[in-house]
Amino acid sequence: MSSKYSLQNIDRSILEFLQLEIPVCERPYKELSQRLRMTENEIVQRIQFLIDQGFIKRLGAILYHHSVGYTYNALVAWAVSPSSSSLVAEVVKTNLSVSHCYFRSCPDAFPYPLFTMIHERTEQKLNNRIHELSKLFYCIDYIVLKSIKEWKKTSMQYTL
């Protein structure tokens, strides 16, 4: 990130807007541009500037998996060595059922440093996917924590 540039109030307003649920419509920046007294094109240019300066890493859509039928979910913790991270990365990058994948430091009493969040449409498909990943990771030692209720689903919001 550029240390030569300090965020201006207009930048803060744009970043706060981008952290919320951007309207899914033909002109998602229209209301913001009116509020900030800028054109929509100027908003887009400002966003590109913030990306170029390193303040924004990426923009992306978040799919609410429950609303499209992916109602069977599990956090699976695997007893996989961090030295296997290249293999894990190759496997999960093409596996669309895995939304999150992390290696974490764990206490000795919990030898499962790899965490994956897996989503499927049926319980059978979820179980099959976990079994498939077990083979691909060469790992038979894992713990499955199935989701039973979703309490909160929001993105991180930063105070600017």
N, C-alpha and C. Protein backbone atom coordinates (compact mmCIF):
# COMPACT_ATOMS: atom_id res chain seq x y z
N MET A 1 0.84 -1.17 0.00
CA MET A 1 0.00 0.00 0.00
C MET A 1 0.89 1.24 0.00
N SER A 2 0.45 2.22 -0.72
CA SER A 2 1.21 3.46 -0.82
C SER A 2 1.12 4.24 0.48
N SER A 3 2.27 4.61 1.02
CA SER A 3 2.27 5.41 2.24
C SER A 3 2.26 6.90 1.90
N LYS A 4 2.33 7.22 0.61
CA LYS A 4 2.37 8.62 0.18
C LYS A 4 0.98 9.23 0.09
N TYR A 5 -0.05 8.39 0.12
CA TYR A 5 -1.41 8.89 -0.07
C TYR A 5 -2.22 8.68 1.21
N SER A 6 -2.90 9.73 1.66
CA SER A 6 -3.80 9.63 2.81
C SER A 6 -5.23 9.65 2.30
N LEU A 7 -6.05 8.80 2.89
CA LEU A 7 -7.44 8.74 2.48
C LEU A 7 -8.14 10.08 2.69
N GLN A 8 -8.89 10.48 1.70
CA GLN A 8 -9.71 11.68 1.81
C GLN A 8 -11.11 11.26 2.22
N ASN A 9 -11.95 12.23 2.64
CA ASN A 9 -13.31 11.92 3.05
C ASN A 9 -14.09 11.21 1.95
N ILE A 10 -13.88 11.61 0.71
CA ILE A 10 -14.58 10.99 -0.42
C ILE A 10 -14.18 9.52 -0.54
N ASP A 11 -12.89 9.24 -0.32
CA ASP A 11 -12.41 7.85 -0.36
C ASP A 11 -13.07 7.03 0.75
N ARG A 12 -13.15 7.62 1.93
CA ARG A 12 -13.77 6.92 3.06
C ARG A 12 -15.23 6.59 2.76
N SER A 13 -15.93 7.54 2.17
CA SER A 13 -17.34 7.32 1.82
C SER A 13 -17.48 6.19 0.81
N ILE A 14 -16.61 6.15 -0.17
CA ILE A 14 -16.65 5.10 -1.19
C ILE A 14 -16.32 3.75 -0.55
N LEU A 15 -15.29 3.70 0.29
CA LEU A 15 -14.91 2.45 0.94
C LEU A 15 -16.01 1.94 1.87
N GLU A 16 -16.67 2.84 2.59
CA GLU A 16 -17.78 2.44 3.45
C GLU A 16 -18.91 1.86 2.62
N PHE A 17 -19.20 2.46 1.47
CA PHE A 17 -20.24 1.96 0.56
C PHE A 17 -19.88 0.56 0.05
N LEU A 18 -18.63 0.36 -0.32
CA LEU A 18 -18.19 -0.92 -0.88
C LEU A 18 -18.23 -2.04 0.15
N GLN A 19 -18.19 -1.71 1.44
CA GLN A 19 -18.25 -2.73 2.49
C GLN A 19 -19.67 -3.22 2.73
N LEU A 20 -20.65 -2.48 2.27
CA LEU A 20 -22.05 -2.85 2.47
C LEU A 20 -22.50 -3.73 1.31
N GLU A 21 -23.79 -4.05 1.29
CA GLU A 21 -24.34 -4.84 0.19
C GLU A 21 -24.59 -3.90 -0.98
N ILE A 22 -23.75 -3.99 -1.98
CA ILE A 22 -23.89 -3.15 -3.18
C ILE A 22 -25.14 -3.61 -3.92
N PRO A 23 -25.99 -2.68 -4.34
CA PRO A 23 -27.22 -3.08 -5.04
C PRO A 23 -26.91 -3.89 -6.31
N VAL A 24 -27.69 -4.93 -6.51
CA VAL A 24 -27.57 -5.72 -7.73
C VAL A 24 -28.53 -5.11 -8.73
N CYS A 25 -28.00 -4.21 -9.55
CA CYS A 25 -28.82 -3.51 -10.52
C CYS A 25 -27.91 -2.99 -11.63
N GLU A 26 -28.52 -2.39 -12.62
CA GLU A 26 -27.75 -1.90 -13.77
C GLU A 26 -26.79 -0.78 -13.39
N ARG A 27 -27.16 0.06 -12.41
CA ARG A 27 -26.33 1.20 -12.03
C ARG A 27 -26.13 1.23 -10.51
N PRO A 28 -25.26 0.34 -9.99
CA PRO A 28 -25.11 0.22 -8.54
C PRO A 28 -24.52 1.44 -7.86
N TYR A 29 -23.83 2.30 -8.60
CA TYR A 29 -23.19 3.48 -7.99
C TYR A 29 -24.01 4.75 -8.14
N LYS A 30 -25.21 4.64 -8.71
CA LYS A 30 -26.02 5.83 -8.99
C LYS A 30 -26.35 6.61 -7.72
N GLU A 31 -26.90 5.95 -6.72
CA GLU A 31 -27.28 6.64 -5.48
C GLU A 31 -26.05 7.24 -4.79
N LEU A 32 -24.96 6.50 -4.75
CA LEU A 32 -23.73 7.00 -4.14
C LEU A 32 -23.22 8.22 -4.88
N SER A 33 -23.25 8.18 -6.20
CA SER A 33 -22.76 9.32 -6.98
C SER A 33 -23.60 10.57 -6.72
N GLN A 34 -24.91 10.38 -6.56
CA GLN A 34 -25.77 11.53 -6.25
C GLN A 34 -25.46 12.09 -4.87
N ARG A 35 -25.27 11.19 -3.91
CA ARG A 35 -24.97 11.61 -2.54
C ARG A 35 -23.63 12.35 -2.47
N LEU A 36 -22.63 11.87 -3.24
CA LEU A 36 -21.30 12.48 -3.20
C LEU A 36 -21.13 13.60 -4.23
N ARG A 37 -22.17 13.83 -5.02
CA ARG A 37 -22.14 14.86 -6.07
C ARG A 37 -20.99 14.62 -7.04
N MET A 38 -20.91 13.36 -7.49
CA MET A 38 -19.91 12.93 -8.47
C MET A 38 -20.65 12.14 -9.55
N THR A 39 -20.03 11.97 -10.70
CA THR A 39 -20.62 11.10 -11.71
C THR A 39 -20.31 9.65 -11.34
N GLU A 40 -21.09 8.74 -11.89
CA GLU A 40 -20.84 7.32 -11.66
C GLU A 40 -19.46 6.94 -12.20
N ASN A 41 -19.08 7.53 -13.32
CA ASN A 41 -17.77 7.27 -13.91
C ASN A 41 -16.66 7.73 -12.97
N GLU A 42 -16.85 8.87 -12.32
CA GLU A 42 -15.85 9.35 -11.36
C GLU A 42 -15.73 8.39 -10.18
N ILE A 43 -16.85 7.81 -9.74
CA ILE A 43 -16.82 6.82 -8.66
C ILE A 43 -15.97 5.62 -9.10
N VAL A 44 -16.24 5.11 -10.30
CA VAL A 44 -15.49 3.96 -10.83
C VAL A 44 -14.01 4.30 -10.93
N GLN A 45 -13.67 5.48 -11.41
CA GLN A 45 -12.27 5.90 -11.51
C GLN A 45 -11.62 5.98 -10.13
N ARG A 46 -12.39 6.47 -9.16
CA ARG A 46 -11.86 6.59 -7.79
C ARG A 46 -11.61 5.20 -7.19
N ILE A 47 -12.53 4.27 -7.47
CA ILE A 47 -12.35 2.89 -6.99
C ILE A 47 -11.09 2.30 -7.62
N GLN A 48 -10.89 2.53 -8.91
CA GLN A 48 -9.69 2.01 -9.56
C GLN A 48 -8.44 2.63 -8.95
N PHE A 49 -8.48 3.90 -8.62
CA PHE A 49 -7.35 4.57 -7.97
C PHE A 49 -7.06 3.91 -6.63
N LEU A 50 -8.11 3.63 -5.84
CA LEU A 50 -7.93 2.99 -4.53
C LEU A 50 -7.36 1.59 -4.67
N ILE A 51 -7.72 0.90 -5.74
CA ILE A 51 -7.13 -0.41 -6.03
C ILE A 51 -5.65 -0.24 -6.37
N ASP A 52 -5.37 0.71 -7.26
CA ASP A 52 -3.99 0.95 -7.68
C ASP A 52 -3.10 1.36 -6.51
N GLN A 53 -3.66 2.08 -5.55
CA GLN A 53 -2.90 2.53 -4.38
C GLN A 53 -2.77 1.44 -3.31
N GLY A 54 -3.48 0.33 -3.48
CA GLY A 54 -3.38 -0.77 -2.55
C GLY A 54 -4.35 -0.72 -1.38
N PHE A 55 -5.29 0.23 -1.40
CA PHE A 55 -6.27 0.29 -0.32
C PHE A 55 -7.34 -0.78 -0.49
N ILE A 56 -7.62 -1.18 -1.72
CA ILE A 56 -8.59 -2.23 -2.01
C ILE A 56 -7.82 -3.39 -2.62
N LYS A 57 -7.96 -4.55 -2.02
CA LYS A 57 -7.28 -5.74 -2.54
C LYS A 57 -8.07 -6.35 -3.69
N ARG A 58 -9.40 -6.47 -3.50
CA ARG A 58 -10.24 -7.02 -4.56
C ARG A 58 -11.69 -6.66 -4.30
N LEU A 59 -12.48 -6.70 -5.34
CA LEU A 59 -13.93 -6.55 -5.25
C LEU A 59 -14.53 -7.86 -5.70
N GLY A 60 -15.52 -8.33 -4.99
CA GLY A 60 -16.13 -9.60 -5.39
C GLY A 60 -17.52 -9.74 -4.82
N ALA A 61 -18.28 -10.61 -5.45
CA ALA A 61 -19.63 -10.91 -4.98
C ALA A 61 -19.57 -12.04 -3.96
N ILE A 62 -20.46 -11.97 -3.01
CA ILE A 62 -20.60 -13.04 -2.03
C ILE A 62 -21.94 -13.70 -2.29
N LEU A 63 -21.91 -14.97 -2.58
CA LEU A 63 -23.12 -15.74 -2.83
C LEU A 63 -23.63 -16.28 -1.50
N TYR A 64 -24.88 -16.02 -1.21
CA TYR A 64 -25.50 -16.58 -0.02
C TYR A 64 -25.93 -17.99 -0.36
N HIS A 65 -25.08 -18.96 0.02
CA HIS A 65 -25.24 -20.34 -0.44
C HIS A 65 -26.57 -20.95 -0.05
N HIS A 66 -27.14 -20.58 1.08
CA HIS A 66 -28.44 -21.12 1.48
C HIS A 66 -29.52 -20.75 0.48
N SER A 67 -29.46 -19.52 -0.02
CA SER A 67 -30.51 -19.05 -0.92
C SER A 67 -30.49 -19.74 -2.28
N VAL A 68 -29.40 -20.39 -2.63
CA VAL A 68 -29.33 -21.10 -3.92
C VAL A 68 -29.26 -22.61 -3.73
N GLY A 69 -29.63 -23.07 -2.53
CA GLY A 69 -29.79 -24.49 -2.32
C GLY A 69 -28.64 -25.24 -1.69
N TYR A 70 -27.56 -24.57 -1.33
CA TYR A 70 -26.44 -25.24 -0.66
C TYR A 70 -26.66 -25.17 0.85
N THR A 71 -27.54 -26.03 1.33
CA THR A 71 -27.98 -25.95 2.72
C THR A 71 -27.27 -26.94 3.64
N TYR A 72 -26.40 -27.78 3.10
CA TYR A 72 -25.63 -28.72 3.91
C TYR A 72 -24.18 -28.24 3.90
N ASN A 73 -23.70 -27.89 5.10
CA ASN A 73 -22.39 -27.26 5.23
C ASN A 73 -21.63 -27.88 6.39
N ALA A 74 -20.32 -27.93 6.24
CA ALA A 74 -19.51 -28.46 7.33
C ALA A 74 -18.14 -27.81 7.34
N LEU A 75 -17.66 -27.54 8.55
CA LEU A 75 -16.27 -27.16 8.76
C LEU A 75 -15.54 -28.47 9.03
N VAL A 76 -14.55 -28.77 8.21
CA VAL A 76 -13.80 -30.01 8.39
C VAL A 76 -12.37 -29.64 8.76
N ALA A 77 -11.92 -30.19 9.88
CA ALA A 77 -10.54 -29.98 10.35
C ALA A 77 -9.76 -31.26 10.04
N TRP A 78 -8.62 -31.09 9.36
CA TRP A 78 -7.84 -32.22 8.86
C TRP A 78 -6.48 -32.31 9.54
N ALA A 79 -6.04 -33.53 9.80
CA ALA A 79 -4.69 -33.77 10.35
C ALA A 79 -3.72 -33.88 9.18
N VAL A 80 -3.49 -32.75 8.55
CA VAL A 80 -2.61 -32.67 7.38
C VAL A 80 -1.44 -31.77 7.75
N SER A 81 -0.25 -32.18 7.41
CA SER A 81 0.94 -31.39 7.71
C SER A 81 0.98 -30.12 6.86
N PRO A 82 1.36 -28.98 7.45
CA PRO A 82 1.52 -27.77 6.66
C PRO A 82 2.48 -27.93 5.49
N SER A 83 3.36 -28.93 5.55
CA SER A 83 4.25 -29.17 4.41
C SER A 83 3.48 -29.68 3.20
N SER A 84 2.21 -30.05 3.40
CA SER A 84 1.35 -30.51 2.30
C SER A 84 0.57 -29.36 1.68
N SER A 85 0.90 -28.13 2.02
CA SER A 85 0.10 -27.00 1.57
C SER A 85 0.01 -26.88 0.05
N SER A 86 1.05 -27.24 -0.68
CA SER A 86 0.99 -27.17 -2.14
C SER A 86 -0.04 -28.14 -2.69
N LEU A 87 -0.06 -29.36 -2.15
CA LEU A 87 -1.05 -30.35 -2.56
C LEU A 87 -2.45 -29.86 -2.23
N VAL A 88 -2.65 -29.38 -1.02
CA VAL A 88 -3.96 -28.88 -0.59
C VAL A 88 -4.41 -27.75 -1.52
N ALA A 89 -3.52 -26.82 -1.82
CA ALA A 89 -3.88 -25.69 -2.69
C ALA A 89 -4.32 -26.18 -4.06
N GLU A 90 -3.61 -27.14 -4.62
CA GLU A 90 -3.98 -27.68 -5.93
C GLU A 90 -5.36 -28.33 -5.90
N VAL A 91 -5.65 -29.05 -4.83
CA VAL A 91 -6.93 -29.74 -4.71
C VAL A 91 -8.07 -28.75 -4.54
N VAL A 92 -7.94 -27.81 -3.61
CA VAL A 92 -9.08 -26.94 -3.29
C VAL A 92 -9.32 -25.84 -4.31
N LYS A 93 -8.30 -25.44 -5.06
CA LYS A 93 -8.52 -24.33 -5.99
C LYS A 93 -9.49 -24.70 -7.11
N THR A 94 -9.63 -25.97 -7.41
CA THR A 94 -10.57 -26.39 -8.44
C THR A 94 -11.81 -27.05 -7.85
N ASN A 95 -11.90 -27.12 -6.54
CA ASN A 95 -13.04 -27.76 -5.90
C ASN A 95 -14.04 -26.69 -5.48
N LEU A 96 -15.10 -26.56 -6.25
CA LEU A 96 -16.06 -25.48 -6.03
C LEU A 96 -16.87 -25.62 -4.74
N SER A 97 -16.87 -26.80 -4.14
CA SER A 97 -17.62 -27.00 -2.90
C SER A 97 -16.90 -26.41 -1.69
N VAL A 98 -15.61 -26.11 -1.84
CA VAL A 98 -14.82 -25.57 -0.73
C VAL A 98 -14.78 -24.05 -0.86
N SER A 99 -15.35 -23.37 0.14
CA SER A 99 -15.37 -21.90 0.09
C SER A 99 -14.23 -21.28 0.88
N HIS A 100 -13.74 -21.96 1.91
CA HIS A 100 -12.66 -21.45 2.75
C HIS A 100 -11.67 -22.58 3.00
N CYS A 101 -10.41 -22.21 3.07
CA CYS A 101 -9.38 -23.20 3.35
C CYS A 101 -8.23 -22.49 4.04
N TYR A 102 -7.90 -22.94 5.27
CA TYR A 102 -6.85 -22.30 6.06
C TYR A 102 -5.98 -23.33 6.75
N PHE A 103 -4.71 -23.03 6.85
CA PHE A 103 -3.84 -23.72 7.80
C PHE A 103 -3.75 -22.80 9.01
N ARG A 104 -3.92 -23.36 10.20
CA ARG A 104 -3.85 -22.58 11.43
C ARG A 104 -2.94 -23.27 12.42
N SER A 105 -2.37 -22.48 13.32
CA SER A 105 -1.59 -23.10 14.40
C SER A 105 -2.59 -23.64 15.42
N CYS A 106 -2.30 -24.81 15.94
CA CYS A 106 -3.20 -25.48 16.87
C CYS A 106 -2.42 -26.01 18.06
N PRO A 107 -3.08 -26.16 19.20
CA PRO A 107 -2.40 -26.76 20.34
C PRO A 107 -2.14 -28.25 20.06
N ASP A 108 -1.17 -28.81 20.72
CA ASP A 108 -0.80 -30.21 20.52
C ASP A 108 -1.99 -31.15 20.71
N ALA A 109 -2.91 -30.81 21.59
CA ALA A 109 -4.06 -31.66 21.87
C ALA A 109 -5.07 -31.68 20.72
N PHE A 110 -4.91 -30.78 19.76
CA PHE A 110 -5.82 -30.70 18.61
C PHE A 110 -4.97 -30.70 17.34
N PRO A 111 -4.61 -31.88 16.83
CA PRO A 111 -3.65 -31.97 15.71
C PRO A 111 -4.30 -31.83 14.32
N TYR A 112 -5.16 -30.82 14.15
CA TYR A 112 -5.88 -30.65 12.89
C TYR A 112 -5.66 -29.23 12.37
N PRO A 113 -4.53 -28.93 11.76
CA PRO A 113 -4.21 -27.56 11.38
C PRO A 113 -4.88 -27.07 10.09
N LEU A 114 -5.46 -27.99 9.30
CA LEU A 114 -6.10 -27.57 8.05
C LEU A 114 -7.60 -27.51 8.26
N PHE A 115 -8.19 -26.35 7.94
CA PHE A 115 -9.63 -26.16 8.07
C PHE A 115 -10.23 -25.86 6.70
N THR A 116 -11.30 -26.58 6.35
CA THR A 116 -12.01 -26.29 5.11
C THR A 116 -13.49 -26.11 5.43
N MET A 117 -14.14 -25.21 4.71
CA MET A 117 -15.59 -25.04 4.81
C MET A 117 -16.16 -25.57 3.51
N ILE A 118 -17.04 -26.57 3.62
CA ILE A 118 -17.55 -27.27 2.46
C ILE A 118 -19.07 -27.10 2.40
N HIS A 119 -19.59 -26.86 1.20
CA HIS A 119 -21.03 -26.63 0.99
C HIS A 119 -21.54 -27.58 -0.09
N GLU A 120 -22.69 -28.18 0.18
CA GLU A 120 -23.33 -29.06 -0.81
C GLU A 120 -24.85 -28.95 -0.69
N ARG A 121 -25.55 -29.53 -1.69
CA ARG A 121 -27.01 -29.45 -1.73
C ARG A 121 -27.71 -30.54 -0.93
N THR A 122 -27.05 -31.66 -0.69
CA THR A 122 -27.64 -32.74 0.09
C THR A 122 -26.61 -33.25 1.09
N GLU A 123 -27.09 -33.90 2.12
CA GLU A 123 -26.17 -34.46 3.12
C GLU A 123 -25.29 -35.54 2.49
N GLN A 124 -25.88 -36.34 1.60
CA GLN A 124 -25.11 -37.39 0.94
C GLN A 124 -23.98 -36.80 0.10
N LYS A 125 -24.28 -35.73 -0.64
CA LYS A 125 -23.23 -35.07 -1.45
C LYS A 125 -22.16 -34.48 -0.56
N LEU A 126 -22.55 -33.92 0.57
CA LEU A 126 -21.57 -33.38 1.51
C LEU A 126 -20.65 -34.48 2.02
N ASN A 127 -21.24 -35.59 2.45
CA ASN A 127 -20.43 -36.71 2.94
C ASN A 127 -19.52 -37.26 1.84
N ASN A 128 -20.04 -37.34 0.61
CA ASN A 128 -19.23 -37.82 -0.52
C ASN A 128 -18.06 -36.88 -0.80
N ARG A 129 -18.31 -35.56 -0.71
CA ARG A 129 -17.26 -34.57 -0.98
C ARG A 129 -16.16 -34.68 0.08
N ILE A 130 -16.55 -34.84 1.33
CA ILE A 130 -15.56 -34.98 2.40
C ILE A 130 -14.72 -36.24 2.17
N HIS A 131 -15.37 -37.32 1.80
CA HIS A 131 -14.65 -38.58 1.54
C HIS A 131 -13.70 -38.40 0.34
N GLU A 132 -14.16 -37.71 -0.69
CA GLU A 132 -13.31 -37.45 -1.87
C GLU A 132 -12.08 -36.63 -1.48
N LEU A 133 -12.29 -35.58 -0.68
CA LEU A 133 -11.16 -34.75 -0.24
C LEU A 133 -10.21 -35.55 0.63
N SER A 134 -10.73 -36.44 1.44
CA SER A 134 -9.89 -37.30 2.26
C SER A 134 -8.92 -38.09 1.40
N LYS A 135 -9.41 -38.62 0.31
CA LYS A 135 -8.54 -39.37 -0.62
C LYS A 135 -7.53 -38.44 -1.29
N LEU A 136 -8.00 -37.27 -1.73
CA LEU A 136 -7.11 -36.34 -2.44
C LEU A 136 -6.04 -35.75 -1.52
N PHE A 137 -6.38 -35.56 -0.22
CA PHE A 137 -5.41 -35.04 0.75
C PHE A 137 -4.54 -36.15 1.34
N TYR A 138 -4.83 -37.41 0.99
CA TYR A 138 -4.15 -38.56 1.61
C TYR A 138 -4.29 -38.48 3.13
N CYS A 139 -5.51 -38.22 3.58
CA CYS A 139 -5.74 -37.99 5.01
C CYS A 139 -7.00 -38.72 5.46
N ILE A 140 -6.85 -39.61 6.41
CA ILE A 140 -8.01 -40.31 6.95
C ILE A 140 -8.39 -39.81 8.34
N ASP A 141 -7.58 -38.92 8.89
CA ASP A 141 -7.82 -38.39 10.23
C ASP A 141 -8.36 -36.96 10.11
N TYR A 142 -9.65 -36.81 10.34
CA TYR A 142 -10.28 -35.49 10.26
C TYR A 142 -11.52 -35.46 11.14
N ILE A 143 -11.98 -34.24 11.43
CA ILE A 143 -13.16 -34.02 12.26
C ILE A 143 -14.15 -33.21 11.44
N VAL A 144 -15.41 -33.64 11.41
CA VAL A 144 -16.46 -32.95 10.67
C VAL A 144 -17.39 -32.25 11.66
N LEU A 145 -17.51 -30.94 11.50
CA LEU A 145 -18.43 -30.14 12.31
C LEU A 145 -19.50 -29.60 11.37
N LYS A 146 -20.66 -30.23 11.37
CA LYS A 146 -21.74 -29.82 10.45
C LYS A 146 -22.49 -28.63 11.00
N SER A 147 -22.85 -27.73 10.10
CA SER A 147 -23.63 -26.56 10.48
C SER A 147 -25.05 -27.00 10.80
N ILE A 148 -25.58 -26.50 11.93
CA ILE A 148 -26.97 -26.80 12.26
C ILE A 148 -27.84 -25.55 12.24
N LYS A 149 -27.22 -24.38 12.40
CA LYS A 149 -27.96 -23.12 12.33
C LYS A 149 -26.97 -22.01 11.99
N GLU A 150 -27.40 -21.11 11.11
CA GLU A 150 -26.57 -19.96 10.76
C GLU A 150 -27.07 -18.76 11.56
N TRP A 151 -26.18 -18.19 12.37
CA TRP A 151 -26.55 -17.06 13.21
C TRP A 151 -26.22 -15.73 12.56
N LYS A 152 -25.12 -15.68 11.83
CA LYS A 152 -24.69 -14.41 11.26
C LYS A 152 -23.96 -14.69 9.97
N LYS A 153 -24.22 -13.86 8.97
CA LYS A 153 -23.52 -14.00 7.69
C LYS A 153 -23.27 -12.58 7.18
N THR A 154 -22.15 -12.01 7.58
CA THR A 154 -21.80 -10.68 7.12
C THR A 154 -20.30 -10.63 6.83
N SER A 155 -19.94 -9.68 6.04
CA SER A 155 -18.52 -9.45 5.77
C SER A 155 -17.96 -8.54 6.83
N MET A 156 -16.67 -8.57 6.98
CA MET A 156 -15.98 -7.67 7.91
C MET A 156 -16.20 -6.24 7.47
N GLN A 157 -16.48 -5.36 8.41
CA GLN A 157 -16.60 -3.93 8.11
C GLN A 157 -15.55 -3.20 8.95
N TYR A 158 -14.81 -2.36 8.29
CA TYR A 158 -13.70 -1.64 8.93
C TYR A 158 -14.11 -0.22 9.24
N THR A 159 -13.63 0.30 10.36
CA THR A 159 -13.83 1.69 10.71
C THR A 159 -12.76 2.49 10.00
N LEU A 160 -13.18 3.42 9.18
CA LEU A 160 -12.21 4.16 8.38
C LEU A 160 -11.95 5.55 8.92
